[in-house]
Amino acid sequence: MVTREFLLVIDPRCLDQISAFPREPFLDAAARLGRSDPPIIIQLLSPSFLDPGDARRLADYEPQIREIAAPVGDGKFHVSKDLSNKHRKLLSAAREPGQKALALLALGQSMRADGLLTEATELLSARWEILNHHRIRVMPLSEFPHWIEVCGIGHSVFVSASDPHVNVPSDIFYQRSHERNRRLTEWHSHTASTVSSEVSEDLRSIVYNRYPYILYSRDMVRFFELQRDHANRHRGSDRFNSFIGFYFANMYLHMWGLLDHLTLMANRHLTLRLPDNRCSISSKEFWAAMATRLPPLSDFRKEPRVRDWISVMADLRHPAAHKAMLLPTRLVSHTAKSQRSDEEVLAILREQEPETFEMFPRHVLDAMIPHMISNWRFQNLKILGDGIVHVQGTSRSYVRPALNSLDHDVALLDEVMDAFIAGLFERSSGLKVSDPDGA
C-alpha cells in the first residue's frame, strides 16, 4: 500500500529561513494535508543536540517540527566507499561541518526518513551520490514546497504550498496554482482575441491541457519515486516501478506532442502553408521556412544545447510511441557475492530461510528455487546508478539519469515555449510570459 505518512529531518540551520518575514506558507500547506480525510501526515524532525540554542528556536514551530534532543541509536553514519573522494572529504568527521552533516544523515537513517532538508554545502553537493548509495533524499529548502504538494497530489489532494488557504478544484489546480502555468493562462486570456480562432484554440490546448498534463505526470513520477524509496526503507521491497514507468513515458509523450504542437501553431499564425504532417520540431522543411520568416527562432533552435536536448527528447519519446519503452531502471555491476554458483547461493538461502524449504513440497520448491536464486543475486549486485535509462539513439548510445533529469527537461521545455511565444506574439501583444529572472 502507498503510505500517507512522511517523515523528514530538517537541519536546524534552516529555521532562520523559515522564520523570515513574511512567513513561508508551506508549513500551513503541510498542516492542511494533515486535516484531509484520511489525513496525509508530514512530520518534521530536527535535532537540538547539534547546538544548544536550537531547542529554543524549535519551540516556535511546535507541533509542525518535533525536537529530537539526543541521537537515535548509536548516532553514527558510515559513508559509503562508493562516494567520490571529494564528497567523502566534505563528509569527514575531522571537520565540524562534516560532523553536523554526518549527525543529520545518521538521524535520517535511524528514523528511516523520507528526506533531509538542509542548506549545507557538504550535503547538497553530494545529494545524488547519497541518494544512490544510501537511499537518503537530501533536498534544499527551496524544493520543500513542491515536495509537500507532491505528497498531496499523489493522493488526489490538491493543496498549493504557496497559497494553502485557497480551495482550487483539481481540474484547474496547475492552471491556477502553478506559477508558470498561471502566467500562461493569464497571457492566453489577453492574447486570444488578437489571433485567429485556430491559433487561439492551439494556445488554449497547450496551456490548459497539454502543459498541465506534463506537470502532473512529472509530479506523479516524483510521488511514486517517494513511495518506492519508502517501501524499500521500511519493508526492503522494490515496488511502484510500474507506476513510475507509466507516468515517465506519459510525460515524454506529452512533451514531444507539445513541441510539435508549437510548430503547427507557428505554421498557422505565420501562414507558412505547410501541410500539418510537415510540421514538427524535427522537420527540416518547417525550419527552412522559419529561417526565412522568423530567423531569431530558427537561430535559437540551432543552439547546441537546444538542438541536443530536442534530439534527446526524440530518443525518449519515439520508443514510447512505437516500440519497447525506455523505463527508468538501475545501472548495476556484479560483486563477488552476485557471481557465486547456484549451489553456493542455494546453501545460503537454506540457511537464511529454513522455514521456506520446510513449508513447501518438493515440486513447488523446484519451481521456486530458480527465482529465489535470481532474486538473491539481484539483491547483491552493486548499484552504480538508480533511475537511469539506456538510450539507443539514432546517432549514438548513451546512459541518461532519467529521474534526475525531469526538472531539467521541464525547464528546457519552458525555454522553447518562451522562444516560440516571444517570436510569434510578443511584438503584437506587448505581453511577456517569463518574469525578469527568466522563471
Protein backbone atom coordinates (compact mmCIF):
# COMPACT_ATOMS: atom_id res chain seq x y z
CA MET A 1 0.00 0.00 0.00
CA VAL A 2 1.04 3.58 -0.56
CA THR A 3 1.88 5.47 2.59
CA ARG A 4 0.14 8.62 3.79
CA GLU A 5 2.75 9.31 6.47
CA PHE A 6 6.00 11.05 5.62
CA LEU A 7 8.94 11.85 7.85
CA LEU A 8 11.69 14.36 7.17
CA VAL A 9 14.72 15.56 9.07
CA ILE A 10 15.19 19.31 8.92
CA ASP A 11 18.54 20.92 9.59
CA PRO A 12 18.07 23.44 12.46
CA ARG A 13 20.12 25.91 10.43
CA CYS A 14 17.13 26.17 8.05
CA LEU A 15 14.94 27.70 10.77
CA ASP A 16 16.17 31.22 10.09
CA GLN A 17 14.85 30.99 6.53
CA ILE A 18 11.52 29.55 7.63
CA SER A 19 11.00 32.32 10.19
CA ALA A 20 11.83 35.16 7.78
CA PHE A 21 9.02 37.69 7.34
CA PRO A 22 6.63 37.22 5.66
CA ARG A 23 6.43 33.68 7.00
CA GLU A 24 6.69 30.91 4.43
CA PRO A 25 3.22 29.32 3.96
CA PHE A 26 4.40 25.79 3.20
CA LEU A 27 4.11 24.64 6.83
CA ASP A 28 0.44 25.69 6.64
CA ALA A 29 0.12 23.56 3.50
CA ALA A 30 1.55 20.56 5.36
CA ALA A 31 -0.88 21.22 8.24
CA ARG A 32 -3.80 21.35 5.80
CA LEU A 33 -2.84 17.98 4.32
CA GLY A 34 -2.90 16.66 7.87
CA ARG A 35 -6.56 17.71 8.09
CA SER A 36 -7.59 15.85 4.94
CA ASP A 37 -9.71 12.69 5.24
CA PRO A 38 -7.91 10.39 5.70
CA PRO A 39 -5.02 12.61 6.81
CA ILE A 40 -1.70 12.93 5.00
CA ILE A 41 0.86 13.38 7.74
CA ILE A 42 4.12 15.23 7.13
CA GLN A 43 6.22 15.14 10.29
CA LEU A 44 9.42 17.19 10.54
CA LEU A 45 12.18 16.21 12.96
CA SER A 46 15.01 18.50 13.95
CA PRO A 47 17.94 17.64 16.21
CA SER A 48 18.50 20.12 19.03
CA PHE A 49 21.60 18.22 20.20
CA LEU A 50 23.74 19.81 17.49
CA ASP A 51 23.51 23.29 19.01
CA PRO A 52 22.20 24.25 22.50
CA GLY A 53 20.34 27.21 21.02
CA ASP A 54 18.29 25.06 18.64
CA ALA A 55 15.87 23.78 21.30
CA ARG A 56 14.64 27.32 21.99
CA ARG A 57 14.24 28.09 18.30
CA LEU A 58 12.34 24.87 17.66
CA ALA A 59 9.75 25.74 20.30
CA ASP A 60 8.24 28.28 17.88
CA TYR A 61 7.34 25.52 15.40
CA GLU A 62 5.51 23.00 17.53
CA PRO A 63 3.74 20.81 16.54
CA GLN A 64 4.92 21.07 12.89
CA ILE A 65 8.54 20.36 13.83
CA ARG A 66 9.36 17.87 16.58
CA GLU A 67 12.55 18.27 18.57
CA ILE A 68 14.98 15.35 18.77
CA ALA A 69 17.03 16.04 21.90
CA ALA A 70 19.53 13.19 21.59
CA PRO A 71 20.98 11.00 18.83
CA VAL A 72 18.86 7.98 17.89
CA GLY A 73 20.68 4.65 18.09
CA ASP A 74 24.46 4.95 18.10
CA GLY A 75 24.31 8.25 16.20
CA LYS A 76 26.89 7.06 13.68
CA PHE A 77 26.77 7.19 9.92
CA HIS A 78 29.22 5.27 7.77
CA VAL A 79 29.78 6.95 4.41
CA SER A 80 29.80 4.51 1.51
CA LYS A 81 33.17 3.93 -0.10
CA ASP A 82 31.42 4.34 -3.43
CA LEU A 83 31.08 8.09 -2.88
CA SER A 84 33.70 10.17 -4.65
CA ASN A 85 36.79 11.21 -2.70
CA LYS A 86 35.69 14.83 -2.97
CA HIS A 87 32.39 14.15 -1.23
CA ARG A 88 33.88 11.77 1.31
CA LYS A 89 36.24 14.56 2.37
CA LEU A 90 33.34 17.00 2.76
CA LEU A 91 31.57 14.44 4.94
CA SER A 92 34.62 13.77 7.08
CA ALA A 93 34.21 13.80 10.86
CA ALA A 94 37.55 15.62 11.03
CA ARG A 95 35.74 18.89 10.23
CA GLU A 96 32.90 20.47 12.21
CA PRO A 97 30.63 20.94 9.14
CA GLY A 98 31.26 17.29 8.29
CA GLN A 99 30.35 16.24 11.83
CA LYS A 100 26.99 18.04 11.64
CA ALA A 101 26.30 16.59 8.21
CA LEU A 102 27.03 13.08 9.47
CA ALA A 103 24.78 13.62 12.50
CA LEU A 104 21.89 14.66 10.23
CA LEU A 105 22.45 11.66 7.95
CA ALA A 106 22.62 9.32 10.97
CA LEU A 107 19.31 10.67 12.27
CA GLY A 108 17.71 10.30 8.84
CA GLN A 109 18.98 6.75 8.53
CA SER A 110 17.92 5.72 12.05
CA MET A 111 14.43 7.20 11.62
CA ARG A 112 14.14 5.85 8.05
CA ALA A 113 13.21 9.37 6.99
CA ASP A 114 11.82 10.18 3.55
CA GLY A 115 14.08 13.18 3.18
CA LEU A 116 16.58 15.56 4.73
CA LEU A 117 16.11 19.32 4.39
CA THR A 118 19.29 21.35 4.56
CA GLU A 119 21.26 24.20 3.04
CA ALA A 120 24.60 22.64 3.98
CA THR A 121 27.00 22.50 1.01
CA GLU A 122 28.53 19.28 2.33
CA LEU A 123 25.21 17.51 1.86
CA LEU A 124 23.76 19.25 -1.18
CA SER A 125 26.86 18.80 -3.32
CA ALA A 126 26.75 15.05 -2.64
CA ARG A 127 22.95 14.68 -2.75
CA TRP A 128 22.72 12.40 -5.80
CA GLU A 129 25.51 10.11 -4.62
CA ILE A 130 23.93 9.93 -1.16
CA LEU A 131 20.60 9.02 -2.77
CA ASN A 132 22.19 6.34 -4.95
CA HIS A 133 24.24 4.66 -2.25
CA HIS A 134 22.30 5.37 0.95
CA ARG A 135 18.69 5.89 -0.20
CA ILE A 136 18.56 9.20 1.69
CA ARG A 137 17.00 12.05 -0.28
CA VAL A 138 18.75 15.35 0.52
CA MET A 139 16.80 18.47 -0.51
CA PRO A 140 17.40 22.20 -0.30
CA LEU A 141 14.65 24.10 1.47
CA SER A 142 13.60 25.66 -1.86
CA GLU A 143 12.36 22.25 -3.07
CA PHE A 144 10.30 21.53 0.03
CA PRO A 145 7.11 23.39 -1.02
CA HIS A 146 6.83 21.36 -4.22
CA TRP A 147 7.61 18.17 -2.29
CA ILE A 148 4.67 18.92 0.04
CA GLU A 149 2.39 19.41 -2.96
CA VAL A 150 3.54 16.10 -4.46
CA CYS A 151 2.65 14.25 -1.23
CA GLY A 152 -0.90 15.51 -1.61
CA ILE A 153 -1.23 15.26 -5.41
CA GLY A 154 -0.33 11.56 -5.37
CA HIS A 155 -3.33 11.01 -3.08
CA SER A 156 -5.57 13.30 -5.21
CA VAL A 157 -5.46 16.03 -2.56
CA PHE A 158 -4.50 19.26 -4.32
CA VAL A 159 -3.12 21.89 -1.95
CA SER A 160 -0.91 24.75 -3.06
CA ALA A 161 2.18 25.27 -0.91
CA SER A 162 2.31 28.93 -1.91
CA ASP A 163 -1.36 29.67 -1.14
CA PRO A 164 -2.64 26.82 1.04
CA HIS A 165 -5.76 28.61 2.28
CA VAL A 166 -7.39 28.83 -1.17
CA ASN A 167 -9.50 25.93 -2.40
CA VAL A 168 -8.66 25.19 -6.04
CA PRO A 169 -10.59 22.48 -7.93
CA SER A 170 -8.31 19.64 -9.00
CA ASP A 171 -9.22 20.10 -12.69
CA ILE A 172 -7.64 23.56 -12.72
CA PHE A 173 -5.04 23.14 -9.98
CA TYR A 174 -1.99 23.63 -12.20
CA GLN A 175 -3.60 26.37 -14.31
CA ARG A 176 -4.37 28.34 -11.13
CA SER A 177 -1.65 27.32 -8.66
CA HIS A 178 1.48 26.54 -10.68
CA GLU A 179 3.23 29.90 -11.11
CA ARG A 180 4.30 29.47 -14.72
CA ASN A 181 1.12 27.71 -15.86
CA ARG A 182 -0.92 30.50 -14.27
CA ARG A 183 1.08 33.14 -16.19
CA LEU A 184 0.49 31.21 -19.40
CA THR A 185 -3.27 31.07 -18.87
CA GLU A 186 -3.41 34.77 -17.98
CA TRP A 187 -1.37 35.59 -21.07
CA HIS A 188 -3.70 33.46 -23.20
CA SER A 189 -6.76 35.28 -21.91
CA HIS A 190 -5.24 38.60 -23.10
CA THR A 191 -4.00 37.22 -26.42
CA ALA A 192 -6.87 35.01 -27.60
CA SER A 193 -8.87 37.87 -29.11
CA THR A 194 -5.87 39.17 -31.09
CA VAL A 195 -5.21 35.99 -33.10
CA SER A 196 -7.24 33.73 -35.36
CA SER A 197 -9.69 31.27 -33.83
CA GLU A 198 -7.48 28.34 -34.92
CA VAL A 199 -4.38 29.76 -33.27
CA SER A 200 -6.36 30.71 -30.17
CA GLU A 201 -7.52 27.10 -29.88
CA ASP A 202 -3.92 25.88 -30.31
CA LEU A 203 -2.83 28.13 -27.46
CA ARG A 204 -5.74 27.07 -25.27
CA SER A 205 -4.97 23.39 -25.79
CA ILE A 206 -1.29 23.91 -24.97
CA VAL A 207 -1.66 25.98 -21.80
CA TYR A 208 -4.86 24.45 -20.38
CA ASN A 209 -4.34 20.79 -21.33
CA ARG A 210 -1.01 19.52 -22.53
CA TYR A 211 1.30 21.59 -20.30
CA PRO A 212 -0.66 20.71 -17.10
CA TYR A 213 -0.60 17.04 -18.17
CA ILE A 214 3.20 17.25 -18.32
CA LEU A 215 3.38 18.85 -14.87
CA TYR A 216 1.00 16.26 -13.42
CA SER A 217 2.96 13.37 -14.95
CA ARG A 218 6.20 14.79 -13.53
CA ASP A 219 4.64 15.09 -10.08
CA MET A 220 3.27 11.53 -10.18
CA VAL A 221 6.71 10.19 -11.08
CA ARG A 222 8.05 12.04 -8.04
CA PHE A 223 5.23 10.68 -5.85
CA PHE A 224 5.81 7.04 -6.77
CA GLU A 225 9.57 7.50 -6.55
CA LEU A 226 8.96 8.66 -2.98
CA GLN A 227 6.67 5.68 -2.35
CA ARG A 228 9.21 3.24 -3.80
CA ASP A 229 12.00 4.54 -1.60
CA HIS A 230 9.70 4.46 1.45
CA ALA A 231 8.79 0.81 0.79
CA ASN A 232 12.45 -0.05 0.32
CA ARG A 233 13.46 1.52 3.64
CA HIS A 234 10.58 0.09 5.68
CA ARG A 235 9.95 -3.30 4.07
CA GLY A 236 13.01 -3.97 1.95
CA SER A 237 10.79 -4.29 -1.14
CA ASP A 238 11.27 -2.68 -4.53
CA ARG A 239 7.75 -1.64 -5.53
CA PHE A 240 5.91 1.00 -7.59
CA ASN A 241 8.33 0.87 -10.55
CA SER A 242 5.43 0.20 -12.94
CA PHE A 243 3.74 3.43 -11.82
CA ILE A 244 6.98 5.36 -12.22
CA GLY A 245 7.41 3.93 -15.71
CA PHE A 246 3.83 4.74 -16.71
CA TYR A 247 3.98 8.43 -15.76
CA PHE A 248 7.56 8.76 -17.05
CA ALA A 249 6.57 7.55 -20.54
CA ASN A 250 3.40 9.67 -20.42
CA MET A 251 5.39 12.80 -19.61
CA TYR A 252 7.70 12.46 -22.62
CA LEU A 253 4.86 11.59 -24.98
CA HIS A 254 3.15 14.86 -24.00
CA MET A 255 6.40 16.84 -24.12
CA TRP A 256 7.07 15.80 -27.70
CA GLY A 257 3.41 16.45 -28.53
CA LEU A 258 3.71 19.98 -27.13
CA LEU A 259 6.86 20.65 -29.13
CA ASP A 260 5.17 19.51 -32.34
CA HIS A 261 2.04 21.49 -31.46
CA LEU A 262 4.13 24.67 -31.25
CA THR A 263 5.22 24.15 -34.85
CA LEU A 264 1.63 23.61 -36.04
CA MET A 265 0.63 26.82 -34.30
CA ALA A 266 3.53 28.71 -35.91
CA ASN A 267 2.56 27.33 -39.31
CA ARG A 268 -0.97 28.70 -38.94
CA HIS A 269 -0.02 32.01 -37.34
CA LEU A 270 2.66 32.83 -39.92
CA THR A 271 0.65 31.38 -42.84
CA LEU A 272 3.54 29.17 -43.91
CA ARG A 273 1.02 26.94 -45.74
CA LEU A 274 2.88 23.74 -44.94
CA PRO A 275 0.80 20.53 -44.65
CA ASP A 276 0.31 19.55 -40.99
CA ASN A 277 2.37 16.38 -41.48
CA ARG A 278 5.35 18.52 -42.50
CA CYS A 279 5.30 20.45 -39.24
CA SER A 280 7.38 19.02 -36.42
CA ILE A 281 10.06 20.21 -34.04
CA SER A 282 12.43 17.95 -36.01
CA SER A 283 11.15 18.83 -39.52
CA LYS A 284 13.82 20.24 -41.84
CA GLU A 285 11.13 21.66 -44.12
CA PHE A 286 9.49 23.54 -41.26
CA TRP A 287 12.76 25.02 -40.01
CA ALA A 288 13.80 26.01 -43.54
CA ALA A 289 10.61 28.05 -43.76
CA MET A 290 11.18 29.51 -40.29
CA ALA A 291 14.72 30.55 -41.17
CA THR A 292 13.17 32.93 -43.71
CA ARG A 293 10.12 34.08 -41.76
CA LEU A 294 11.48 34.15 -38.19
CA PRO A 295 15.30 33.94 -38.13
CA PRO A 296 15.73 34.53 -34.33
CA LEU A 297 13.60 31.49 -33.52
CA SER A 298 15.45 29.42 -36.09
CA ASP A 299 18.77 30.54 -34.60
CA PHE A 300 17.56 29.63 -31.10
CA ARG A 301 16.71 26.11 -32.24
CA LYS A 302 20.23 25.76 -33.69
CA GLU A 303 21.93 26.48 -30.35
CA PRO A 304 23.84 23.29 -29.46
CA ARG A 305 22.20 22.83 -26.04
CA VAL A 306 18.71 23.26 -27.53
CA ARG A 307 19.41 21.13 -30.60
CA ASP A 308 20.95 18.36 -28.49
CA TRP A 309 18.09 18.46 -25.98
CA ILE A 310 15.48 18.10 -28.72
CA SER A 311 17.42 15.09 -30.02
CA VAL A 312 17.31 13.52 -26.54
CA MET A 313 13.56 14.19 -26.30
CA ALA A 314 13.13 12.33 -29.59
CA ASP A 315 15.17 9.41 -28.27
CA LEU A 316 12.90 9.19 -25.20
CA ARG A 317 9.56 9.74 -26.90
CA HIS A 318 9.81 7.63 -30.04
CA PRO A 319 10.30 4.29 -28.24
CA ALA A 320 7.30 5.10 -26.02
CA ALA A 321 5.17 5.66 -29.14
CA HIS A 322 6.45 2.93 -31.44
CA LYS A 323 8.47 0.16 -29.74
CA ALA A 324 9.84 -1.10 -26.41
CA MET A 325 9.58 1.79 -23.96
CA LEU A 326 12.59 3.23 -22.17
CA LEU A 327 11.78 2.86 -18.48
CA PRO A 328 13.92 4.01 -15.56
CA THR A 329 15.96 1.21 -14.04
CA ARG A 330 19.16 0.60 -12.10
CA LEU A 331 22.65 0.54 -13.51
CA VAL A 332 24.40 -2.32 -11.71
CA SER A 333 27.59 -4.35 -11.76
CA HIS A 334 28.48 -7.76 -10.39
CA THR A 335 30.03 -8.32 -6.99
CA ALA A 336 31.80 -11.35 -5.58
CA LYS A 337 28.51 -12.39 -3.95
CA SER A 338 26.38 -12.00 -7.07
CA GLN A 339 28.77 -14.27 -9.01
CA ARG A 340 28.54 -17.20 -6.62
CA SER A 341 27.41 -20.50 -8.08
CA ASP A 342 23.83 -21.75 -7.88
CA GLU A 343 24.89 -24.34 -5.32
CA GLU A 344 26.52 -21.72 -3.07
CA VAL A 345 23.51 -19.40 -3.27
CA LEU A 346 21.12 -22.27 -2.58
CA ALA A 347 23.07 -23.20 0.55
CA ILE A 348 22.88 -19.60 1.77
CA LEU A 349 19.14 -19.48 1.12
CA ARG A 350 18.60 -22.74 3.03
CA GLU A 351 20.43 -21.21 5.99
CA GLN A 352 18.66 -17.85 5.80
CA GLU A 353 15.14 -19.12 5.09
CA PRO A 354 14.84 -22.65 6.53
CA GLU A 355 11.09 -22.30 7.05
CA THR A 356 10.56 -21.79 3.31
CA PHE A 357 12.23 -25.11 2.50
CA GLU A 358 10.24 -26.86 5.21
CA MET A 359 6.89 -25.35 4.25
CA PHE A 360 6.60 -26.22 0.57
CA PRO A 361 6.59 -29.67 -1.11
CA ARG A 362 9.46 -30.60 -3.39
CA HIS A 363 7.70 -29.96 -6.72
CA VAL A 364 6.79 -26.43 -5.61
CA LEU A 365 10.32 -25.72 -4.40
CA ASP A 366 11.73 -26.88 -7.73
CA ALA A 367 9.72 -24.12 -9.42
CA MET A 368 10.58 -21.50 -6.78
CA ILE A 369 14.33 -22.07 -6.39
CA PRO A 370 15.49 -20.54 -9.71
CA HIS A 371 13.58 -17.35 -8.91
CA MET A 372 14.90 -17.27 -5.35
CA ILE A 373 18.48 -17.63 -6.61
CA SER A 374 17.94 -14.92 -9.22
CA ASN A 375 16.44 -12.52 -6.65
CA TRP A 376 19.31 -13.16 -4.22
CA ARG A 377 21.87 -12.37 -6.91
CA PHE A 378 19.99 -9.20 -7.88
CA GLN A 379 19.94 -8.00 -4.27
CA ASN A 380 23.71 -8.47 -4.08
CA LEU A 381 24.60 -6.52 -7.20
CA LYS A 382 26.40 -3.21 -6.78
CA ILE A 383 24.18 -0.25 -7.66
CA LEU A 384 26.09 2.27 -9.78
CA GLY A 385 23.09 4.44 -10.50
CA ASP A 386 19.32 4.44 -9.97
CA GLY A 387 16.57 5.79 -12.18
CA ILE A 388 18.60 5.67 -15.39
CA VAL A 389 17.72 4.76 -18.98
CA HIS A 390 20.00 3.22 -21.58
CA VAL A 391 19.21 5.06 -24.80
CA GLN A 392 19.82 3.64 -28.26
CA GLY A 393 19.61 6.91 -30.15
CA THR A 394 19.66 7.49 -33.88
CA SER A 395 23.28 8.63 -33.80
CA ARG A 396 24.67 7.27 -30.52
CA SER A 397 24.03 5.14 -27.45
CA TYR A 398 24.22 6.68 -24.00
CA VAL A 399 23.09 6.35 -20.40
CA ARG A 400 20.88 9.14 -19.01
CA PRO A 401 19.91 9.82 -15.36
CA ALA A 402 16.22 9.79 -16.24
CA LEU A 403 14.60 10.58 -12.89
CA ASN A 404 17.16 13.23 -12.00
CA SER A 405 16.57 14.94 -15.36
CA LEU A 406 12.80 15.54 -15.10
CA ASP A 407 13.03 19.10 -13.76
CA HIS A 408 15.82 19.93 -16.20
CA ASP A 409 13.68 18.77 -19.12
CA VAL A 410 10.65 20.78 -17.99
CA ALA A 411 12.92 23.86 -17.67
CA LEU A 412 14.21 23.39 -21.24
CA LEU A 413 10.66 22.90 -22.47
CA ASP A 414 9.76 26.21 -20.83
CA GLU A 415 12.60 27.90 -22.71
CA VAL A 416 11.43 26.52 -26.03
CA MET A 417 7.84 27.60 -25.31
CA ASP A 418 9.05 31.09 -24.40
CA ALA A 419 11.07 31.30 -27.61
CA PHE A 420 8.03 30.43 -29.74
CA ILE A 421 5.71 32.76 -27.83
CA ALA A 422 8.16 35.67 -27.89
CA GLY A 423 8.86 35.20 -31.58
CA LEU A 424 5.28 34.75 -32.68
CA PHE A 425 3.24 37.02 -30.42
CA GLU A 426 5.08 39.44 -28.15
CA ARG A 427 5.66 42.16 -30.72
CA SER A 428 1.94 42.47 -31.30
CA SER A 429 0.68 41.82 -27.78
CA GLY A 430 3.36 43.53 -25.73
CA LEU A 431 2.92 40.84 -23.07
CA LYS A 432 5.65 38.67 -21.62
CA VAL A 433 5.24 35.18 -20.21
CA SER A 434 8.56 34.99 -18.40
CA ASP A 435 9.37 37.14 -15.40
CA PRO A 436 12.55 39.27 -15.36
CA ASP A 437 14.51 36.42 -13.78
CA GLY A 438 13.57 34.02 -16.53
CA ALA A 439 11.36 31.79 -14.33
